[in-house]
Amino acid sequence: MKRALLLLFLLFPLMTAGMAAAQEASRTSGETSGEANELLKWANFLILAAGLGYLIAKNLPPFFRSRTAEIQKGIAESQKIKRDAEARAGEMEARLAALGGEIEKYQTNARAEMEQESARIREETTRHVEKLQHQAEQEIQTAGKLARNELKRYAGKLALDLAEQRIRARLDKSAENGLVEDFVNDLGSQN
Protein backbone atom coordinates (compact mmCIF):
# COMPACT_ATOMS: atom_id res chain seq x y z
CA MET A 1 0.00 0.00 0.00
CA LYS A 2 2.83 2.36 0.88
CA ARG A 3 4.52 1.57 -2.43
CA ALA A 4 1.36 2.29 -4.32
CA LEU A 5 1.00 5.60 -2.58
CA LEU A 6 4.62 6.49 -3.23
CA LEU A 7 4.24 5.57 -6.88
CA LEU A 8 1.08 7.65 -7.04
CA PHE A 9 2.82 10.69 -5.58
CA LEU A 10 5.70 10.31 -7.99
CA LEU A 11 3.43 9.89 -10.95
CA PHE A 12 1.11 12.69 -9.88
CA PRO A 13 3.33 15.51 -11.17
CA LEU A 14 3.75 13.68 -14.43
CA MET A 15 0.04 13.06 -14.78
CA THR A 16 -0.77 16.64 -13.91
CA ALA A 17 1.80 17.89 -16.40
CA GLY A 18 0.40 15.57 -19.06
CA MET A 19 -3.13 16.70 -18.37
CA ALA A 20 -2.14 20.31 -18.36
CA ALA A 21 -0.43 19.78 -21.72
CA ALA A 22 -3.58 18.08 -23.06
CA GLN A 23 -5.71 20.96 -21.88
CA GLU A 24 -3.33 23.42 -23.49
CA ALA A 25 -3.50 21.51 -26.71
CA SER A 26 -7.24 21.39 -26.65
CA ARG A 27 -7.44 25.10 -26.02
CA THR A 28 -5.15 25.85 -28.81
CA SER A 29 -7.14 23.74 -31.10
CA GLY A 30 -10.27 25.34 -29.79
CA GLU A 31 -11.83 22.12 -28.71
CA THR A 32 -12.91 21.73 -25.14
CA SER A 33 -13.25 18.18 -24.38
CA GLY A 34 -15.66 17.07 -21.57
CA GLU A 35 -13.80 13.82 -21.40
CA ALA A 36 -10.52 15.49 -20.53
CA ASN A 37 -12.17 17.49 -17.75
CA GLU A 38 -13.86 14.38 -16.47
CA LEU A 39 -10.58 12.52 -16.53
CA LEU A 40 -8.86 15.31 -14.58
CA LYS A 41 -11.59 15.31 -11.96
CA TRP A 42 -11.24 11.57 -11.51
CA ALA A 43 -7.48 11.86 -11.32
CA ASN A 44 -7.75 14.60 -8.70
CA PHE A 45 -10.24 12.52 -6.76
CA LEU A 46 -7.99 9.46 -6.88
CA ILE A 47 -5.00 11.50 -5.74
CA LEU A 48 -7.02 13.07 -2.93
CA ALA A 49 -8.47 9.69 -1.94
CA ALA A 50 -5.02 8.08 -2.02
CA GLY A 51 -3.55 10.90 0.11
CA LEU A 52 -6.37 10.68 2.60
CA GLY A 53 -6.11 6.90 2.60
CA TYR A 54 -2.39 7.14 3.26
CA LEU A 55 -2.86 9.62 6.09
CA ILE A 56 -5.68 7.56 7.56
CA ALA A 57 -3.68 4.33 7.20
CA LYS A 58 -0.67 5.97 8.79
CA ASN A 59 -2.34 7.82 11.70
CA LEU A 60 -5.54 6.01 12.60
CA PRO A 61 -4.18 2.54 13.53
CA PRO A 62 -1.79 3.93 16.18
CA PHE A 63 -4.58 6.21 17.42
CA PHE A 64 -7.03 3.32 17.58
CA ARG A 65 -4.40 1.08 19.24
CA SER A 66 -3.66 3.70 21.90
CA ARG A 67 -7.36 4.37 22.37
CA THR A 68 -8.05 0.62 22.61
CA ALA A 69 -5.23 0.27 25.13
CA GLU A 70 -6.64 3.15 27.20
CA ILE A 71 -10.13 1.63 27.07
CA GLN A 72 -8.81 -1.81 28.05
CA LYS A 73 -6.78 -0.26 30.85
CA GLY A 74 -9.90 1.61 32.04
CA ILE A 75 -11.93 -1.60 31.85
CA ALA A 76 -9.26 -3.50 33.81
CA GLU A 77 -9.12 -0.76 36.45
CA SER A 78 -12.91 -0.61 36.71
CA GLN A 79 -13.06 -4.41 37.05
CA LYS A 80 -10.43 -4.24 39.80
CA ILE A 81 -12.36 -1.45 41.54
CA LYS A 82 -15.54 -3.48 41.15
CA ARG A 83 -13.88 -6.57 42.67
CA ASP A 84 -12.50 -4.47 45.54
CA ALA A 85 -15.91 -2.89 46.11
CA GLU A 86 -17.60 -6.30 46.04
CA ALA A 87 -15.00 -7.63 48.49
CA ARG A 88 -15.57 -4.65 50.81
CA ALA A 89 -19.33 -5.06 50.47
CA GLY A 90 -18.96 -8.76 51.33
CA GLU A 91 -16.84 -7.87 54.36
CA MET A 92 -19.40 -5.29 55.46
CA GLU A 93 -22.24 -7.80 55.04
CA ALA A 94 -20.26 -10.34 57.05
CA ARG A 95 -19.62 -7.73 59.73
CA LEU A 96 -23.31 -6.79 59.78
CA ALA A 97 -24.28 -10.44 60.10
CA ALA A 98 -21.70 -10.91 62.85
CA LEU A 99 -22.82 -7.65 64.47
CA GLY A 100 -26.35 -8.98 64.82
CA GLY A 101 -24.96 -12.09 66.50
CA GLU A 102 -22.70 -10.03 68.74
CA ILE A 103 -25.59 -7.77 69.75
CA GLU A 104 -27.68 -10.81 70.62
CA LYS A 105 -24.71 -12.27 72.53
CA TYR A 106 -24.26 -9.02 74.49
CA GLN A 107 -27.98 -8.89 75.23
CA THR A 108 -27.93 -12.49 76.44
CA ASN A 109 -24.86 -11.81 78.59
CA ALA A 110 -26.44 -8.62 79.95
CA ARG A 111 -29.63 -10.50 80.86
CA ALA A 112 -27.63 -13.25 82.57
CA GLU A 113 -25.55 -10.69 84.48
CA MET A 114 -28.69 -8.81 85.48
CA GLU A 115 -30.28 -12.03 86.75
CA GLN A 116 -27.12 -12.94 88.68
CA GLU A 117 -26.90 -9.44 90.14
CA SER A 118 -30.60 -9.54 91.02
CA ALA A 119 -30.17 -12.91 92.75
CA ARG A 120 -27.10 -11.62 94.61
CA ILE A 121 -28.98 -8.50 95.73
CA ARG A 122 -31.95 -10.64 96.87
CA GLU A 123 -29.65 -12.93 98.86
CA GLU A 124 -27.80 -9.98 100.36
CA THR A 125 -31.09 -8.29 101.24
CA THR A 126 -32.41 -11.50 102.79
CA ARG A 127 -29.22 -11.88 104.87
CA HIS A 128 -29.42 -8.24 105.90
CA VAL A 129 -33.10 -8.56 106.89
CA GLU A 130 -32.35 -11.74 108.85
CA LYS A 131 -29.46 -10.01 110.59
CA LEU A 132 -31.68 -7.03 111.44
CA GLN A 133 -34.40 -9.39 112.74
CA HIS A 134 -31.84 -11.24 114.87
CA GLN A 135 -30.50 -7.95 116.23
CA ALA A 136 -34.03 -6.72 116.91
CA GLU A 137 -34.86 -9.99 118.73
CA GLN A 138 -31.69 -9.68 120.82
CA GLU A 139 -32.46 -6.06 121.63
CA ILE A 140 -36.02 -7.01 122.56
CA GLN A 141 -34.74 -9.84 124.79
CA THR A 142 -32.17 -7.52 126.38
CA ALA A 143 -34.79 -4.83 126.90
CA GLY A 144 -37.16 -7.46 128.38
CA LYS A 145 -34.44 -8.70 130.78
CA LEU A 146 -33.63 -5.14 131.81
CA ALA A 147 -37.31 -4.38 132.31
CA ARG A 148 -37.80 -7.59 134.37
CA ASN A 149 -34.73 -6.83 136.49
CA GLU A 150 -35.89 -3.25 136.99
CA LEU A 151 -39.36 -4.52 137.83
CA LYS A 152 -37.89 -7.04 140.33
CA ARG A 153 -35.80 -4.30 141.93
CA TYR A 154 -38.78 -2.03 142.10
CA ALA A 155 -41.01 -4.81 143.47
CA GLY A 156 -38.32 -5.73 146.01
CA LYS A 157 -37.98 -2.11 147.13
CA LEU A 158 -41.74 -1.78 147.41
CA ALA A 159 -41.90 -5.04 149.39
CA LEU A 160 -39.16 -3.86 151.71
CA ASP A 161 -40.81 -0.50 152.17
CA LEU A 162 -44.16 -2.14 152.82
CA ALA A 163 -42.58 -4.66 155.19
CA GLU A 164 -40.78 -1.87 157.00
CA GLN A 165 -44.01 0.07 157.34
CA ARG A 166 -45.84 -2.98 158.67
CA ILE A 167 -43.06 -3.88 161.03
CA ARG A 168 -42.87 -0.32 162.33
CA ALA A 169 -46.59 -0.26 162.75
CA ARG A 170 -46.53 -3.52 164.75
CA LEU A 171 -43.38 -2.92 166.70
CA ASP A 172 -43.45 -0.99 169.77
CA LYS A 173 -40.54 -0.05 172.02
CA SER A 174 -40.48 -3.18 174.07
CA ALA A 175 -40.70 -5.50 171.01
CA GLU A 176 -37.93 -3.55 169.32
CA ASN A 177 -35.64 -3.87 172.37
CA GLY A 178 -36.38 -7.59 172.53
CA LEU A 179 -35.44 -8.07 168.90
CA VAL A 180 -32.18 -6.17 169.32
CA GLU A 181 -31.28 -8.26 172.38
CA ASP A 182 -32.05 -11.49 170.52
CA PHE A 183 -29.89 -10.34 167.63
CA VAL A 184 -26.97 -9.48 169.86
CA ASN A 185 -27.31 -12.80 171.66
CA ASP A 186 -27.27 -14.68 168.36
CA LEU A 187 -24.12 -12.82 167.38
CA GLY A 188 -22.48 -13.60 170.66
CA SER A 189 -23.31 -17.26 170.45
CA GLN A 190 -21.85 -17.58 166.97
CA ASN A 191 -18.43 -16.28 168.04
C-alpha atoms as a PDB file:
ATOM      1  CA  MET A   1       0.000   0.000   0.000  1.00  0.00           C
ATOM      2  CA  LYS A   2       2.826   2.357   0.875  1.00  0.00           C
ATOM      3  CA  ARG A   3       4.520   1.574  -2.427  1.00  0.00           C
ATOM      4  CA  ALA A   4       1.362   2.287  -4.324  1.00  0.00           C
ATOM      5  CA  LEU A   5       0.997   5.604  -2.582  1.00  0.00           C
ATOM      6  CA  LEU A   6       4.624   6.495  -3.225  1.00  0.00           C
ATOM      7  CA  LEU A   7       4.238   5.572  -6.879  1.00  0.00           C
ATOM      8  CA  LEU A   8       1.081   7.651  -7.043  1.00  0.00           C
ATOM      9  CA  PHE A   9       2.822  10.693  -5.579  1.00  0.00           C
ATOM     10  CA  LEU A  10       5.696  10.306  -7.989  1.00  0.00           C
ATOM     11  CA  LEU A  11       3.432   9.893 -10.953  1.00  0.00           C
ATOM     12  CA  PHE A  12       1.109  12.690  -9.878  1.00  0.00           C
ATOM     13  CA  PRO A  13       3.328  15.514 -11.168  1.00  0.00           C
ATOM     14  CA  LEU A  14       3.746  13.682 -14.430  1.00  0.00           C
ATOM     15  CA  MET A  15       0.036  13.064 -14.782  1.00  0.00           C
ATOM     16  CA  THR A  16      -0.766  16.640 -13.910  1.00  0.00           C
ATOM     17  CA  ALA A  17       1.796  17.890 -16.399  1.00  0.00           C
ATOM     18  CA  GLY A  18       0.402  15.572 -19.064  1.00  0.00           C
ATOM     19  CA  MET A  19      -3.133  16.702 -18.371  1.00  0.00           C
ATOM     20  CA  ALA A  20      -2.141  20.307 -18.363  1.00  0.00           C
ATOM     21  CA  ALA A  21      -0.434  19.778 -21.716  1.00  0.00           C
ATOM     22  CA  ALA A  22      -3.579  18.085 -23.058  1.00  0.00           C
ATOM     23  CA  GLN A  23      -5.706  20.964 -21.880  1.00  0.00           C
ATOM     24  CA  GLU A  24      -3.334  23.420 -23.490  1.00  0.00           C
ATOM     25  CA  ALA A  25      -3.503  21.515 -26.714  1.00  0.00           C
ATOM     26  CA  SER A  26      -7.236  21.393 -26.650  1.00  0.00           C
ATOM     27  CA  ARG A  27      -7.443  25.102 -26.017  1.00  0.00           C
ATOM     28  CA  THR A  28      -5.154  25.847 -28.806  1.00  0.00           C
ATOM     29  CA  SER A  29      -7.139  23.741 -31.104  1.00  0.00           C
ATOM     30  CA  GLY A  30     -10.268  25.344 -29.786  1.00  0.00           C
ATOM     31  CA  GLU A  31     -11.832  22.121 -28.705  1.00  0.00           C
ATOM     32  CA  THR A  32     -12.909  21.735 -25.141  1.00  0.00           C
ATOM     33  CA  SER A  33     -13.245  18.178 -24.378  1.00  0.00           C
ATOM     34  CA  GLY A  34     -15.662  17.075 -21.573  1.00  0.00           C
ATOM     35  CA  GLU A  35     -13.800  13.817 -21.398  1.00  0.00           C
ATOM     36  CA  ALA A  36     -10.520  15.488 -20.526  1.00  0.00           C
ATOM     37  CA  ASN A  37     -12.168  17.491 -17.745  1.00  0.00           C
ATOM     38  CA  GLU A  38     -13.864  14.383 -16.471  1.00  0.00           C
ATOM     39  CA  LEU A  39     -10.579  12.520 -16.526  1.00  0.00           C
ATOM     40  CA  LEU A  40      -8.858  15.314 -14.582  1.00  0.00           C
ATOM     41  CA  LYS A  41     -11.593  15.306 -11.958  1.00  0.00           C
ATOM     42  CA  TRP A  42     -11.244  11.573 -11.506  1.00  0.00           C
ATOM     43  CA  ALA A  43      -7.481  11.855 -11.318  1.00  0.00           C
ATOM     44  CA  ASN A  44      -7.746  14.603  -8.695  1.00  0.00           C
ATOM     45  CA  PHE A  45     -10.244  12.518  -6.765  1.00  0.00           C
ATOM     46  CA  LEU A  46      -7.985   9.462  -6.879  1.00  0.00           C
ATOM     47  CA  ILE A  47      -5.000  11.504  -5.738  1.00  0.00           C
ATOM     48  CA  LEU A  48      -7.015  13.073  -2.933  1.00  0.00           C
ATOM     49  CA  ALA A  49      -8.469   9.686  -1.936  1.00  0.00           C
ATOM     50  CA  ALA A  50      -5.024   8.085  -2.020  1.00  0.00           C
ATOM     51  CA  GLY A  51      -3.555  10.898   0.107  1.00  0.00           C
ATOM     52  CA  LEU A  52      -6.372  10.679   2.598  1.00  0.00           C
ATOM     53  CA  GLY A  53      -6.111   6.898   2.604  1.00  0.00           C
ATOM     54  CA  TYR A  54      -2.394   7.138   3.257  1.00  0.00           C
ATOM     55  CA  LEU A  55      -2.858   9.624   6.085  1.00  0.00           C
ATOM     56  CA  ILE A  56      -5.678   7.557   7.557  1.00  0.00           C
ATOM     57  CA  ALA A  57      -3.677   4.333   7.199  1.00  0.00           C
ATOM     58  CA  LYS A  58      -0.672   5.970   8.794  1.00  0.00           C
ATOM     59  CA  ASN A  59      -2.336   7.820  11.698  1.00  0.00           C
ATOM     60  CA  LEU A  60      -5.544   6.007  12.602  1.00  0.00           C
ATOM     61  CA  PRO A  61      -4.176   2.539  13.528  1.00  0.00           C
ATOM     62  CA  PRO A  62      -1.791   3.926  16.180  1.00  0.00           C
ATOM     63  CA  PHE A  63      -4.584   6.205  17.416  1.00  0.00           C
ATOM     64  CA  PHE A  64      -7.025   3.317  17.582  1.00  0.00           C
ATOM     65  CA  ARG A  65      -4.405   1.079  19.236  1.00  0.00           C
ATOM     66  CA  SER A  66      -3.659   3.699  21.898  1.00  0.00           C
ATOM     67  CA  ARG A  67      -7.361   4.372  22.369  1.00  0.00           C
ATOM     68  CA  THR A  68      -8.051   0.624  22.613  1.00  0.00           C
ATOM     69  CA  ALA A  69      -5.226   0.267  25.128  1.00  0.00           C
ATOM     70  CA  GLU A  70      -6.643   3.148  27.196  1.00  0.00           C
ATOM     71  CA  ILE A  71     -10.129   1.635  27.070  1.00  0.00           C
ATOM     72  CA  GLN A  72      -8.811  -1.811  28.047  1.00  0.00           C
ATOM     73  CA  LYS A  73      -6.783  -0.255  30.845  1.00  0.00           C
ATOM     74  CA  GLY A  74      -9.895   1.607  32.037  1.00  0.00           C
ATOM     75  CA  ILE A  75     -11.932  -1.603  31.852  1.00  0.00           C
ATOM     76  CA  ALA A  76      -9.260  -3.503  33.809  1.00  0.00           C
ATOM     77  CA  GLU A  77      -9.124  -0.757  36.447  1.00  0.00           C
ATOM     78  CA  SER A  78     -12.908  -0.607  36.712  1.00  0.00           C
ATOM     79  CA  GLN A  79     -13.062  -4.406  37.053  1.00  0.00           C
ATOM     80  CA  LYS A  80     -10.430  -4.243  39.795  1.00  0.00           C
ATOM     81  CA  ILE A  81     -12.356  -1.450  41.536  1.00  0.00           C
ATOM     82  CA  LYS A  82     -15.544  -3.484  41.151  1.00  0.00           C
ATOM     83  CA  ARG A  83     -13.877  -6.567  42.670  1.00  0.00           C
ATOM     84  CA  ASP A  84     -12.501  -4.474  45.545  1.00  0.00           C
ATOM     85  CA  ALA A  85     -15.913  -2.895  46.114  1.00  0.00           C
ATOM     86  CA  GLU A  86     -17.605  -6.301  46.042  1.00  0.00           C
ATOM     87  CA  ALA A  87     -15.002  -7.632  48.487  1.00  0.00           C
ATOM     88  CA  ARG A  88     -15.573  -4.653  50.809  1.00  0.00           C
ATOM     89  CA  ALA A  89     -19.326  -5.064  50.466  1.00  0.00           C
ATOM     90  CA  GLY A  90     -18.957  -8.761  51.334  1.00  0.00           C
ATOM     91  CA  GLU A  91     -16.845  -7.870  54.360  1.00  0.00           C
ATOM     92  CA  MET A  92     -19.403  -5.295  55.457  1.00  0.00           C
ATOM     93  CA  GLU A  93     -22.243  -7.798  55.040  1.00  0.00           C
ATOM     94  CA  ALA A  94     -20.255 -10.340  57.049  1.00  0.00           C
ATOM     95  CA  ARG A  95     -19.621  -7.735  59.733  1.00  0.00           C
ATOM     96  CA  LEU A  96     -23.308  -6.788  59.781  1.00  0.00           C
ATOM     97  CA  ALA A  97     -24.281 -10.438  60.097  1.00  0.00           C
ATOM     98  CA  ALA A  98     -21.703 -10.906  62.854  1.00  0.00           C
ATOM     99  CA  LEU A  99     -22.821  -7.654  64.473  1.00  0.00           C
ATOM    100  CA  GLY A 100     -26.348  -8.978  64.819  1.00  0.00           C
ATOM    101  CA  GLY A 101     -24.964 -12.087  66.503  1.00  0.00           C
ATOM    102  CA  GLU A 102     -22.701 -10.027  68.739  1.00  0.00           C
ATOM    103  CA  ILE A 103     -25.586  -7.767  69.753  1.00  0.00           C
ATOM    104  CA  GLU A 104     -27.678 -10.808  70.620  1.00  0.00           C
ATOM    105  CA  LYS A 105     -24.713 -12.270  72.532  1.00  0.00           C
ATOM    106  CA  TYR A 106     -24.262  -9.021  74.489  1.00  0.00           C
ATOM    107  CA  GLN A 107     -27.985  -8.886  75.229  1.00  0.00           C
ATOM    108  CA  THR A 108     -27.927 -12.491  76.443  1.00  0.00           C
ATOM    109  CA  ASN A 109     -24.860 -11.806  78.592  1.00  0.00           C
ATOM    110  CA  ALA A 110     -26.436  -8.625  79.955  1.00  0.00           C
ATOM    111  CA  ARG A 111     -29.628 -10.504  80.858  1.00  0.00           C
ATOM    112  CA  ALA A 112     -27.633 -13.250  82.567  1.00  0.00           C
ATOM    113  CA  GLU A 113     -25.549 -10.693  84.475  1.00  0.00           C
ATOM    114  CA  MET A 114     -28.694  -8.808  85.483  1.00  0.00           C
ATOM    115  CA  GLU A 115     -30.279 -12.034  86.749  1.00  0.00           C
ATOM    116  CA  GLN A 116     -27.120 -12.939  88.676  1.00  0.00           C
ATOM    117  CA  GLU A 117     -26.898  -9.443  90.145  1.00  0.00           C
ATOM    118  CA  SER A 118     -30.601  -9.541  91.024  1.00  0.00           C
ATOM    119  CA  ALA A 119     -30.168 -12.914  92.750  1.00  0.00           C
ATOM    120  CA  ARG A 120     -27.099 -11.624  94.606  1.00  0.00           C
ATOM    121  CA  ILE A 121     -28.978  -8.502  95.727  1.00  0.00           C
ATOM    122  CA  ARG A 122     -31.952 -10.639  96.869  1.00  0.00           C
ATOM    123  CA  GLU A 123     -29.649 -12.928  98.856  1.00  0.00           C
ATOM    124  CA  GLU A 124     -27.804  -9.982 100.358  1.00  0.00           C
ATOM    125  CA  THR A 125     -31.094  -8.286 101.236  1.00  0.00           C
ATOM    126  CA  THR A 126     -32.409 -11.500 102.789  1.00  0.00           C
ATOM    127  CA  ARG A 127     -29.219 -11.875 104.866  1.00  0.00           C
ATOM    128  CA  HIS A 128     -29.417  -8.239 105.896  1.00  0.00           C
ATOM    129  CA  VAL A 129     -33.102  -8.557 106.885  1.00  0.00           C
ATOM    130  CA  GLU A 130     -32.353 -11.743 108.850  1.00  0.00           C
ATOM    131  CA  LYS A 131     -29.457 -10.006 110.591  1.00  0.00           C
ATOM    132  CA  LEU A 132     -31.676  -7.031 111.441  1.00  0.00           C
ATOM    133  CA  GLN A 133     -34.398  -9.386 112.740  1.00  0.00           C
ATOM    134  CA  HIS A 134     -31.837 -11.238 114.872  1.00  0.00           C
ATOM    135  CA  GLN A 135     -30.497  -7.951 116.235  1.00  0.00           C
ATOM    136  CA  ALA A 136     -34.026  -6.725 116.913  1.00  0.00           C
ATOM    137  CA  GLU A 137     -34.863  -9.991 118.734  1.00  0.00           C
ATOM    138  CA  GLN A 138     -31.695  -9.684 120.825  1.00  0.00           C
ATOM    139  CA  GLU A 139     -32.465  -6.062 121.632  1.00  0.00           C
ATOM    140  CA  ILE A 140     -36.023  -7.006 122.559  1.00  0.00           C
ATOM    141  CA  GLN A 141     -34.743  -9.836 124.791  1.00  0.00           C
ATOM    142  CA  THR A 142     -32.172  -7.523 126.380  1.00  0.00           C
ATOM    143  CA  ALA A 143     -34.786  -4.833 126.897  1.00  0.00           C
ATOM    144  CA  GLY A 144     -37.160  -7.462 128.382  1.00  0.00           C
ATOM    145  CA  LYS A 145     -34.440  -8.696 130.780  1.00  0.00           C
ATOM    146  CA  LEU A 146     -33.631  -5.140 131.808  1.00  0.00           C
ATOM    147  CA  ALA A 147     -37.308  -4.382 132.309  1.00  0.00           C
ATOM    148  CA  ARG A 148     -37.801  -7.587 134.365  1.00  0.00           C
ATOM    149  CA  ASN A 149     -34.728  -6.833 136.488  1.00  0.00           C
ATOM    150  CA  GLU A 150     -35.895  -3.251 136.990  1.00  0.00           C
ATOM    151  CA  LEU A 151     -39.361  -4.520 137.831  1.00  0.00           C
ATOM    152  CA  LYS A 152     -37.886  -7.037 140.325  1.00  0.00           C
ATOM    153  CA  ARG A 153     -35.800  -4.302 141.929  1.00  0.00           C
ATOM    154  CA  TYR A 154     -38.781  -2.028 142.102  1.00  0.00           C
ATOM    155  CA  ALA A 155     -41.006  -4.809 143.469  1.00  0.00           C
ATOM    156  CA  GLY A 156     -38.315  -5.726 146.008  1.00  0.00           C
ATOM    157  CA  LYS A 157     -37.983  -2.112 147.126  1.00  0.00           C
ATOM    158  CA  LEU A 158     -41.743  -1.781 147.411  1.00  0.00           C
ATOM    159  CA  ALA A 159     -41.899  -5.043 149.395  1.00  0.00           C
ATOM    160  CA  LEU A 160     -39.156  -3.860 151.713  1.00  0.00           C
ATOM    161  CA  ASP A 161     -40.807  -0.500 152.169  1.00  0.00           C
ATOM    162  CA  LEU A 162     -44.157  -2.144 152.822  1.00  0.00           C
ATOM    163  CA  ALA A 163     -42.585  -4.663 155.193  1.00  0.00           C
ATOM    164  CA  GLU A 164     -40.779  -1.874 156.999  1.00  0.00           C
ATOM    165  CA  GLN A 165     -44.010   0.066 157.341  1.00  0.00           C
ATOM    166  CA  ARG A 166     -45.843  -2.978 158.667  1.00  0.00           C
ATOM    167  CA  ILE A 167     -43.060  -3.876 161.026  1.00  0.00           C
ATOM    168  CA  ARG A 168     -42.871  -0.321 162.327  1.00  0.00           C
ATOM    169  CA  ALA A 169     -46.587  -0.262 162.752  1.00  0.00           C
ATOM    170  CA  ARG A 170     -46.532  -3.516 164.754  1.00  0.00           C
ATOM    171  CA  LEU A 171     -43.379  -2.916 166.702  1.00  0.00           C
ATOM    172  CA  ASP A 172     -43.445  -0.986 169.770  1.00  0.00           C
ATOM    173  CA  LYS A 173     -40.535  -0.048 172.019  1.00  0.00           C
ATOM    174  CA  SER A 174     -40.478  -3.180 174.066  1.00  0.00           C
ATOM    175  CA  ALA A 175     -40.703  -5.498 171.013  1.00  0.00           C
ATOM    176  CA  GLU A 176     -37.927  -3.547 169.320  1.00  0.00           C
ATOM    177  CA  ASN A 177     -35.643  -3.872 172.373  1.00  0.00           C
ATOM    178  CA  GLY A 178     -36.381  -7.589 172.531  1.00  0.00           C
ATOM    179  CA  LEU A 179     -35.443  -8.072 168.897  1.00  0.00           C
ATOM    180  CA  VAL A 180     -32.180  -6.168 169.320  1.00  0.00           C
ATOM    181  CA  GLU A 181     -31.280  -8.256 172.380  1.00  0.00           C
ATOM    182  CA  ASP A 182     -32.055 -11.490 170.516  1.00  0.00           C
ATOM    183  CA  PHE A 183     -29.895 -10.336 167.635  1.00  0.00           C
ATOM    184  CA  VAL A 184     -26.972  -9.483 169.864  1.00  0.00           C
ATOM    185  CA  ASN A 185     -27.307 -12.804 171.661  1.00  0.00           C
ATOM    186  CA  ASP A 186     -27.273 -14.680 168.355  1.00  0.00           C
ATOM    187  CA  LEU A 187     -24.121 -12.823 167.378  1.00  0.00           C
ATOM    188  CA  GLY A 188     -22.478 -13.598 170.661  1.00  0.00           C
ATOM    189  CA  SER A 189     -23.305 -17.259 170.449  1.00  0.00           C
ATOM    190  CA  GLN A 190     -21.848 -17.582 166.967  1.00  0.00           C
ATOM    191  CA  ASN A 191     -18.429 -16.282 168.041  1.00  0.00           C
END
